[in-house]
């Protein structure tokens, strides 16, 4: 779920609210300042949001299946830590792939794509991942994985 959560934050905050970039703004073929360019970017952003939604949906399905098996919910620190770690992993993978390797967009295409913003995005991702995994480890349970009175699957 953290990967999808990170994608939603990127898409909603950076693409839509701040409008710093869209999925294809640095390709040279789809400038956000033209109507056809903005249409192409909006479509690409929509597919990006659909992919992030699928990550959240898959995470939700896995959580429900665990609950149906009677697995205990993780402590809040573990759950929140893994959400942060997933967000960080999203930033590192997306930033490395789309910003640095493919160059299809950058954090601040509105400023001419300064490298410092992309490196800051990656550093923030690493910090989120490290802090998230540390928080998750600190919240690991020592209790058994399932409790007998919750073992019957639901619906």
Protein backbone atom coordinates (compact mmCIF):
# COMPACT_ATOMS: atom_id res chain seq x y z
CA UNK A 1 0.00 0.00 0.00
CA UNK A 2 2.91 2.35 0.67
CA UNK A 3 4.03 2.24 -2.97
CA UNK A 4 0.56 3.28 -4.11
CA UNK A 5 0.34 5.87 -1.34
CA UNK A 6 3.64 7.39 -2.49
CA UNK A 7 2.41 7.43 -6.07
CA UNK A 8 -0.80 9.17 -5.05
CA UNK A 9 1.14 11.85 -3.16
CA UNK A 10 3.41 12.38 -6.17
CA UNK A 11 0.54 12.51 -8.66
CA UNK A 12 -1.86 14.58 -6.61
CA UNK A 13 0.59 17.04 -5.06
CA UNK A 14 3.33 17.40 -7.72
CA UNK A 15 1.25 16.81 -10.87
CA UNK A 16 -2.11 18.34 -10.00
CA UNK A 17 -1.89 20.73 -7.04
CA UNK A 18 1.57 22.29 -7.58
CA UNK A 19 1.72 21.46 -11.33
CA UNK A 20 5.52 21.17 -11.21
CA UNK A 21 5.51 18.35 -13.75
CA UNK A 22 3.40 15.75 -15.49
CA UNK A 23 4.41 12.32 -16.73
CA UNK A 24 5.71 13.45 -20.12
CA UNK A 25 6.72 17.09 -19.61
CA UNK A 26 10.42 16.67 -20.35
CA UNK A 27 10.13 14.51 -23.45
CA UNK A 28 10.11 17.59 -25.71
CA UNK A 29 7.06 16.24 -27.54
CA UNK A 30 4.35 17.02 -24.96
CA UNK A 31 4.85 20.50 -23.47
CA UNK A 32 2.39 21.22 -20.65
CA UNK A 33 1.93 24.77 -22.00
CA UNK A 34 0.11 23.57 -25.14
CA UNK A 35 -3.38 22.08 -25.22
CA UNK A 36 -2.31 18.89 -27.07
CA UNK A 37 0.67 18.54 -24.72
CA UNK A 38 -1.50 19.00 -21.66
CA UNK A 39 -4.01 16.47 -23.04
CA UNK A 40 -1.23 13.88 -23.56
CA UNK A 41 0.17 14.58 -20.09
CA UNK A 42 -3.26 14.33 -18.48
CA UNK A 43 -3.82 10.95 -20.13
CA UNK A 44 -0.40 9.71 -19.01
CA UNK A 45 -1.04 11.06 -15.49
CA UNK A 46 -4.35 9.17 -15.49
CA UNK A 47 -2.61 5.88 -16.33
CA UNK A 48 -0.07 6.64 -13.61
CA UNK A 49 -2.88 7.19 -11.08
CA UNK A 50 -4.55 3.97 -12.21
CA UNK A 51 -1.31 2.06 -11.58
CA UNK A 52 -0.94 3.58 -8.11
CA UNK A 53 -4.57 2.71 -7.35
CA UNK A 54 -3.86 -0.90 -8.35
CA UNK A 55 -0.98 -1.03 -5.84
CA UNK A 56 -3.27 0.24 -3.07
CA UNK A 57 -6.01 -2.19 -4.11
CA UNK A 58 -3.57 -5.13 -4.11
CA UNK A 59 -2.32 -4.12 -0.66
CA UNK A 60 -5.89 -3.91 0.60
CA UNK A 61 -6.68 -7.36 -0.78
CA UNK A 62 -3.61 -8.82 0.93
CA UNK A 63 -4.62 -7.17 4.22
CA UNK A 64 -8.18 -8.52 4.00
CA UNK A 65 -6.92 -12.02 3.15
CA UNK A 66 -4.61 -11.93 6.18
CA UNK A 67 -7.51 -10.83 8.36
CA UNK A 68 -9.66 -13.65 6.97
CA UNK A 69 -6.92 -16.15 7.87
CA UNK A 70 -7.05 -14.84 11.41
CA UNK A 71 -3.70 -13.10 11.32
CA UNK A 72 -3.32 -10.37 13.86
CA UNK A 73 -3.13 -6.83 12.63
CA UNK A 74 0.40 -5.46 12.93
CA UNK A 75 1.06 -2.81 15.56
CA UNK A 76 0.55 0.73 14.31
CA UNK A 77 4.33 1.35 14.22
CA UNK A 78 4.87 -1.60 11.90
CA UNK A 79 1.98 -0.65 9.62
CA UNK A 80 2.88 3.05 9.47
CA UNK A 81 6.57 2.20 9.07
CA UNK A 82 5.87 -0.05 6.10
CA UNK A 83 3.66 2.64 4.53
CA UNK A 84 6.53 5.11 4.84
CA UNK A 85 9.01 2.55 3.52
CA UNK A 86 6.79 1.83 0.51
CA UNK A 87 6.51 5.56 -0.20
CA UNK A 88 10.30 5.81 -0.02
CA UNK A 89 10.76 2.83 -2.35
CA UNK A 90 8.33 4.45 -4.78
CA UNK A 91 10.34 7.70 -4.74
CA UNK A 92 13.66 5.92 -5.29
CA UNK A 93 12.40 3.70 -8.14
CA UNK A 94 10.32 6.39 -9.86
CA UNK A 95 12.95 9.09 -9.36
CA UNK A 96 15.79 6.92 -10.62
CA UNK A 97 13.84 5.57 -13.59
CA UNK A 98 11.74 8.51 -14.81
CA UNK A 99 13.87 11.45 -13.63
CA UNK A 100 17.44 10.26 -14.13
CA UNK A 101 17.49 7.30 -16.55
CA UNK A 102 14.60 8.02 -18.94
CA UNK A 103 14.38 11.77 -18.35
CA UNK A 104 10.66 11.87 -19.24
CA UNK A 105 10.02 14.34 -16.42
CA UNK A 106 11.73 15.87 -13.42
CA UNK A 107 10.50 17.10 -10.07
CA UNK A 108 10.55 20.71 -11.26
CA UNK A 109 10.05 20.80 -15.02
CA UNK A 110 8.51 24.23 -14.46
CA UNK A 111 12.00 25.51 -13.53
CA UNK A 112 13.87 23.83 -16.35
CA UNK A 113 14.48 20.53 -14.53
CA UNK A 114 17.25 21.42 -12.08
CA UNK A 115 19.09 18.28 -10.98
CA UNK A 116 19.06 19.36 -7.31
CA UNK A 117 15.29 18.79 -7.08
CA UNK A 118 15.61 15.27 -8.52
CA UNK A 119 18.45 14.45 -6.12
CA UNK A 120 16.43 15.85 -3.22
CA UNK A 121 13.47 13.67 -4.25
CA UNK A 122 15.75 10.61 -4.23
CA UNK A 123 17.30 11.54 -0.88
CA UNK A 124 13.84 12.04 0.62
CA UNK A 125 12.89 8.59 -0.70
CA UNK A 126 15.93 6.98 0.90
CA UNK A 127 15.18 8.73 4.21
CA UNK A 128 11.54 7.58 4.09
CA UNK A 129 12.56 3.98 3.31
CA UNK A 130 15.23 3.76 6.01
CA UNK A 131 13.06 5.47 8.66
CA UNK A 132 10.02 3.42 7.65
CA UNK A 133 11.82 0.08 7.83
CA UNK A 134 13.34 1.09 11.20
CA UNK A 135 9.91 2.04 12.55
CA UNK A 136 8.43 -1.22 11.23
CA UNK A 137 11.16 -3.26 12.91
CA UNK A 138 10.58 -1.47 16.21
CA UNK A 139 6.90 -2.40 16.01
CA UNK A 140 7.29 -6.09 15.23
CA UNK A 141 5.18 -8.33 17.44
CA UNK A 142 6.44 -11.19 19.47
CA UNK A 143 2.90 -12.58 19.76
CA UNK A 144 1.74 -15.51 17.60
CA UNK A 145 0.54 -14.73 14.07
CA UNK A 146 -3.04 -15.89 14.60
CA UNK A 147 -5.54 -16.02 17.40
CA UNK A 148 -7.84 -19.02 17.55
CA UNK A 149 -11.07 -17.08 18.07
CA UNK A 150 -10.43 -15.14 14.84
CA UNK A 151 -9.42 -18.11 12.73
CA UNK A 152 -12.72 -18.69 10.89
CA UNK A 153 -12.63 -17.04 7.45
CA UNK A 154 -15.23 -14.38 6.79
CA UNK A 155 -17.40 -14.26 3.64
